[in-house]
Amino acid sequence: MASSSSLDKYVFLITLILPIAATLSSKATESLNKPLYPKVKVEIFNALEGGSNLNLHCQSKDDDLGTHVVQSGQSYQFEFHPNLVIHNTLFYCNFDWPDDQWLHHFDVYDESQDACGYCPWHAHEQYEDCYPYKKSLEEEVPPAYLKF
């Protein structure tokens, strides 16, 4: 009778512990599937004069985001998780528009140099410099201008 009582206690404990362990396990799996760091958002505004559409094609080593046409006064944006272990995430874009004969190339996010959580760019013919902002991931920054 004593061994039956001990067995009943073990069965009772197991029936209590299993649902708790299953719940904790599913919560741990959810936590592992969520990145521990925020996404970076890159936004490219079409500020070309004369109402020209901006054609752009952005990509990284691993992700080709395709070709997009951004109408005058509009923007194109994308988000991604940078590689915080190796710090080698690089997104670059090629730009052109109907009134220009050149294809322009810019690194719009280089993890080895940029620390922005929101990285805005303005595409405009008249600006003479293209530069990334070196800000923390929490700060919002004014847009940099792309030199064409």
C-alpha atoms as a PDB file:
ATOM      1  CA  MET A   1       0.000   0.000   0.000  1.00  0.00           C
ATOM      2  CA  ALA A   2       2.878   2.365   0.793  1.00  0.00           C
ATOM      3  CA  SER A   3       4.455   1.907  -2.645  1.00  0.00           C
ATOM      4  CA  SER A   4       1.103   2.637  -4.312  1.00  0.00           C
ATOM      5  CA  SER A   5       0.856   5.851  -2.313  1.00  0.00           C
ATOM      6  CA  SER A   6       4.371   6.905  -3.377  1.00  0.00           C
ATOM      7  CA  LEU A   7       3.521   6.164  -6.981  1.00  0.00           C
ATOM      8  CA  ASP A   8       0.374   8.273  -6.701  1.00  0.00           C
ATOM      9  CA  LYS A   9       2.458  11.171  -5.375  1.00  0.00           C
ATOM     10  CA  TYR A  10       4.868  10.922  -8.321  1.00  0.00           C
ATOM     11  CA  VAL A  11       2.030  10.769 -10.834  1.00  0.00           C
ATOM     12  CA  PHE A  12       0.418  13.764  -9.160  1.00  0.00           C
ATOM     13  CA  LEU A  13       3.695  15.742  -9.257  1.00  0.00           C
ATOM     14  CA  ILE A  14       4.305  14.870 -12.903  1.00  0.00           C
ATOM     15  CA  THR A  15       0.803  15.974 -13.877  1.00  0.00           C
ATOM     16  CA  LEU A  16       1.516  19.301 -12.166  1.00  0.00           C
ATOM     17  CA  ILE A  17       5.002  19.789 -13.577  1.00  0.00           C
ATOM     18  CA  LEU A  18       4.410  18.818 -17.231  1.00  0.00           C
ATOM     19  CA  PRO A  19       1.976  21.648 -18.099  1.00  0.00           C
ATOM     20  CA  ILE A  20       4.219  24.189 -16.368  1.00  0.00           C
ATOM     21  CA  ALA A  21       7.297  22.890 -18.195  1.00  0.00           C
ATOM     22  CA  ALA A  22       5.448  22.941 -21.540  1.00  0.00           C
ATOM     23  CA  THR A  23       4.355  26.551 -20.972  1.00  0.00           C
ATOM     24  CA  LEU A  24       7.857  27.639 -20.006  1.00  0.00           C
ATOM     25  CA  SER A  25       9.313  25.832 -23.008  1.00  0.00           C
ATOM     26  CA  SER A  26       6.940  27.545 -25.464  1.00  0.00           C
ATOM     27  CA  LYS A  27       7.714  30.960 -23.910  1.00  0.00           C
ATOM     28  CA  ALA A  28      11.446  30.281 -24.215  1.00  0.00           C
ATOM     29  CA  THR A  29      11.022  29.290 -27.870  1.00  0.00           C
ATOM     30  CA  GLU A  30       9.060  32.492 -28.567  1.00  0.00           C
ATOM     31  CA  SER A  31      11.844  34.539 -26.965  1.00  0.00           C
ATOM     32  CA  LEU A  32      14.506  32.840 -29.062  1.00  0.00           C
ATOM     33  CA  ASN A  33      12.580  33.530 -32.270  1.00  0.00           C
ATOM     34  CA  LYS A  34      12.400  37.279 -31.533  1.00  0.00           C
ATOM     35  CA  PRO A  35      15.610  39.195 -32.217  1.00  0.00           C
ATOM     36  CA  LEU A  36      17.086  40.925 -29.203  1.00  0.00           C
ATOM     37  CA  TYR A  37      17.830  44.047 -31.234  1.00  0.00           C
ATOM     38  CA  PRO A  38      15.636  46.431 -33.217  1.00  0.00           C
ATOM     39  CA  LYS A  39      15.227  46.613 -36.963  1.00  0.00           C
ATOM     40  CA  VAL A  40      16.917  49.352 -38.955  1.00  0.00           C
ATOM     41  CA  LYS A  41      14.696  51.377 -41.271  1.00  0.00           C
ATOM     42  CA  VAL A  42      16.114  53.021 -44.413  1.00  0.00           C
ATOM     43  CA  GLU A  43      13.923  55.555 -46.199  1.00  0.00           C
ATOM     44  CA  ILE A  44      14.782  57.210 -49.514  1.00  0.00           C
ATOM     45  CA  PHE A  45      12.822  60.320 -50.477  1.00  0.00           C
ATOM     46  CA  ASN A  46      12.500  61.486 -54.071  1.00  0.00           C
ATOM     47  CA  ALA A  47      13.391  65.185 -53.853  1.00  0.00           C
ATOM     48  CA  LEU A  48      14.373  65.521 -57.526  1.00  0.00           C
ATOM     49  CA  GLU A  49      13.482  68.826 -59.118  1.00  0.00           C
ATOM     50  CA  GLY A  50      11.018  68.962 -61.985  1.00  0.00           C
ATOM     51  CA  GLY A  51       8.816  66.124 -60.762  1.00  0.00           C
ATOM     52  CA  SER A  52      10.986  63.318 -62.172  1.00  0.00           C
ATOM     53  CA  ASN A  53      10.443  59.756 -61.014  1.00  0.00           C
ATOM     54  CA  LEU A  54      13.384  58.175 -59.213  1.00  0.00           C
ATOM     55  CA  ASN A  55      14.275  54.629 -60.257  1.00  0.00           C
ATOM     56  CA  LEU A  56      16.127  52.695 -57.600  1.00  0.00           C
ATOM     57  CA  HIS A  57      17.366  49.177 -57.035  1.00  0.00           C
ATOM     58  CA  CYS A  58      18.539  48.301 -53.518  1.00  0.00           C
ATOM     59  CA  GLN A  59      20.237  45.159 -52.272  1.00  0.00           C
ATOM     60  CA  SER A  60      22.659  43.596 -49.850  1.00  0.00           C
ATOM     61  CA  LYS A  61      24.859  40.546 -50.262  1.00  0.00           C
ATOM     62  CA  ASP A  62      21.931  38.359 -49.193  1.00  0.00           C
ATOM     63  CA  ASP A  63      18.783  40.302 -50.118  1.00  0.00           C
ATOM     64  CA  ASP A  64      17.839  41.815 -53.475  1.00  0.00           C
ATOM     65  CA  LEU A  65      14.932  44.194 -52.858  1.00  0.00           C
ATOM     66  CA  GLY A  66      14.221  44.660 -56.560  1.00  0.00           C
ATOM     67  CA  THR A  67      13.661  47.731 -58.696  1.00  0.00           C
ATOM     68  CA  HIS A  68      11.237  50.425 -57.558  1.00  0.00           C
ATOM     69  CA  VAL A  69       9.945  53.640 -59.093  1.00  0.00           C
ATOM     70  CA  VAL A  70       9.496  56.417 -56.539  1.00  0.00           C
ATOM     71  CA  GLN A  71       7.284  59.261 -57.668  1.00  0.00           C
ATOM     72  CA  SER A  72       8.217  62.872 -56.989  1.00  0.00           C
ATOM     73  CA  GLY A  73       7.689  63.791 -53.336  1.00  0.00           C
ATOM     74  CA  GLN A  74       7.233  60.129 -52.309  1.00  0.00           C
ATOM     75  CA  SER A  75       9.593  57.706 -50.598  1.00  0.00           C
ATOM     76  CA  TYR A  76      10.655  54.072 -50.624  1.00  0.00           C
ATOM     77  CA  GLN A  77      11.556  52.328 -47.370  1.00  0.00           C
ATOM     78  CA  PHE A  78      12.747  48.971 -46.157  1.00  0.00           C
ATOM     79  CA  GLU A  79      13.624  47.411 -42.806  1.00  0.00           C
ATOM     80  CA  PHE A  80      16.075  44.738 -41.752  1.00  0.00           C
ATOM     81  CA  HIS A  81      17.950  43.354 -38.758  1.00  0.00           C
ATOM     82  CA  PRO A  82      21.664  44.145 -38.964  1.00  0.00           C
ATOM     83  CA  ASN A  83      24.230  41.488 -38.172  1.00  0.00           C
ATOM     84  CA  LEU A  84      25.218  42.575 -34.665  1.00  0.00           C
ATOM     85  CA  VAL A  85      27.770  39.798 -34.262  1.00  0.00           C
ATOM     86  CA  ILE A  86      29.977  40.420 -37.295  1.00  0.00           C
ATOM     87  CA  HIS A  87      28.867  44.044 -38.002  1.00  0.00           C
ATOM     88  CA  ASN A  88      29.016  43.590 -41.759  1.00  0.00           C
ATOM     89  CA  THR A  89      25.520  44.482 -42.988  1.00  0.00           C
ATOM     90  CA  LEU A  90      25.710  46.618 -46.127  1.00  0.00           C
ATOM     91  CA  PHE A  91      22.784  47.827 -48.220  1.00  0.00           C
ATOM     92  CA  TYR A  92      23.468  49.770 -51.378  1.00  0.00           C
ATOM     93  CA  CYS A  93      21.221  51.255 -54.045  1.00  0.00           C
ATOM     94  CA  ASN A  94      21.571  52.228 -57.673  1.00  0.00           C
ATOM     95  CA  PHE A  95      19.626  55.327 -58.711  1.00  0.00           C
ATOM     96  CA  ASP A  96      18.672  56.885 -62.026  1.00  0.00           C
ATOM     97  CA  TRP A  97      15.926  59.074 -63.460  1.00  0.00           C
ATOM     98  CA  PRO A  98      14.758  60.051 -66.943  1.00  0.00           C
ATOM     99  CA  ASP A  99      16.597  63.417 -67.187  1.00  0.00           C
ATOM    100  CA  ASP A 100      19.998  62.016 -66.190  1.00  0.00           C
ATOM    101  CA  GLN A 101      22.323  59.843 -68.253  1.00  0.00           C
ATOM    102  CA  TRP A 102      24.207  58.295 -65.318  1.00  0.00           C
ATOM    103  CA  LEU A 103      23.564  55.411 -62.962  1.00  0.00           C
ATOM    104  CA  HIS A 104      24.389  56.524 -59.417  1.00  0.00           C
ATOM    105  CA  HIS A 105      25.475  54.102 -56.680  1.00  0.00           C
ATOM    106  CA  PHE A 106      25.367  54.729 -52.911  1.00  0.00           C
ATOM    107  CA  ASP A 107      25.795  52.703 -49.763  1.00  0.00           C
ATOM    108  CA  VAL A 108      22.627  53.649 -47.897  1.00  0.00           C
ATOM    109  CA  TYR A 109      23.545  51.565 -44.836  1.00  0.00           C
ATOM    110  CA  ASP A 110      26.987  50.303 -43.858  1.00  0.00           C
ATOM    111  CA  GLU A 111      26.959  48.742 -40.412  1.00  0.00           C
ATOM    112  CA  SER A 112      30.699  49.269 -39.963  1.00  0.00           C
ATOM    113  CA  GLN A 113      30.057  53.046 -40.155  1.00  0.00           C
ATOM    114  CA  ASP A 114      26.368  53.700 -39.494  1.00  0.00           C
ATOM    115  CA  ALA A 115      24.619  53.443 -36.154  1.00  0.00           C
ATOM    116  CA  CYS A 116      21.192  54.731 -37.115  1.00  0.00           C
ATOM    117  CA  GLY A 117      17.921  53.005 -36.315  1.00  0.00           C
ATOM    118  CA  TYR A 118      16.194  55.261 -38.833  1.00  0.00           C
ATOM    119  CA  CYS A 119      18.331  56.198 -41.833  1.00  0.00           C
ATOM    120  CA  PRO A 120      16.616  58.747 -44.102  1.00  0.00           C
ATOM    121  CA  TRP A 121      18.080  59.872 -47.433  1.00  0.00           C
ATOM    122  CA  HIS A 122      16.943  62.567 -49.874  1.00  0.00           C
ATOM    123  CA  ALA A 123      17.748  62.092 -53.553  1.00  0.00           C
ATOM    124  CA  HIS A 124      18.312  65.560 -55.023  1.00  0.00           C
ATOM    125  CA  GLU A 125      20.404  66.786 -57.957  1.00  0.00           C
ATOM    126  CA  GLN A 126      21.812  69.915 -56.279  1.00  0.00           C
ATOM    127  CA  TYR A 127      23.429  68.650 -53.076  1.00  0.00           C
ATOM    128  CA  GLU A 128      27.169  68.291 -53.085  1.00  0.00           C
ATOM    129  CA  ASP A 129      27.718  65.653 -50.465  1.00  0.00           C
ATOM    130  CA  CYS A 130      26.537  62.239 -49.449  1.00  0.00           C
ATOM    131  CA  TYR A 131      27.191  61.219 -45.876  1.00  0.00           C
ATOM    132  CA  PRO A 132      25.829  58.814 -43.285  1.00  0.00           C
ATOM    133  CA  TYR A 133      24.932  60.038 -39.830  1.00  0.00           C
ATOM    134  CA  LYS A 134      26.819  58.450 -36.963  1.00  0.00           C
ATOM    135  CA  LYS A 135      24.050  58.352 -34.371  1.00  0.00           C
ATOM    136  CA  SER A 136      22.879  55.852 -31.817  1.00  0.00           C
ATOM    137  CA  LEU A 137      20.135  53.382 -32.718  1.00  0.00           C
ATOM    138  CA  GLU A 138      17.674  55.296 -30.518  1.00  0.00           C
ATOM    139  CA  GLU A 139      18.127  58.740 -32.089  1.00  0.00           C
ATOM    140  CA  GLU A 140      16.135  59.912 -35.069  1.00  0.00           C
ATOM    141  CA  VAL A 141      18.307  61.792 -37.528  1.00  0.00           C
ATOM    142  CA  PRO A 142      17.650  64.344 -40.231  1.00  0.00           C
ATOM    143  CA  PRO A 143      18.000  62.953 -43.752  1.00  0.00           C
ATOM    144  CA  ALA A 144      21.326  62.905 -45.531  1.00  0.00           C
ATOM    145  CA  TYR A 145      21.392  64.072 -49.122  1.00  0.00           C
ATOM    146  CA  LEU A 146      22.681  61.912 -51.936  1.00  0.00           C
ATOM    147  CA  LYS A 147      25.149  63.641 -54.267  1.00  0.00           C
ATOM    148  CA  PHE A 148      24.321  63.132 -57.927  1.00  0.00           C
END
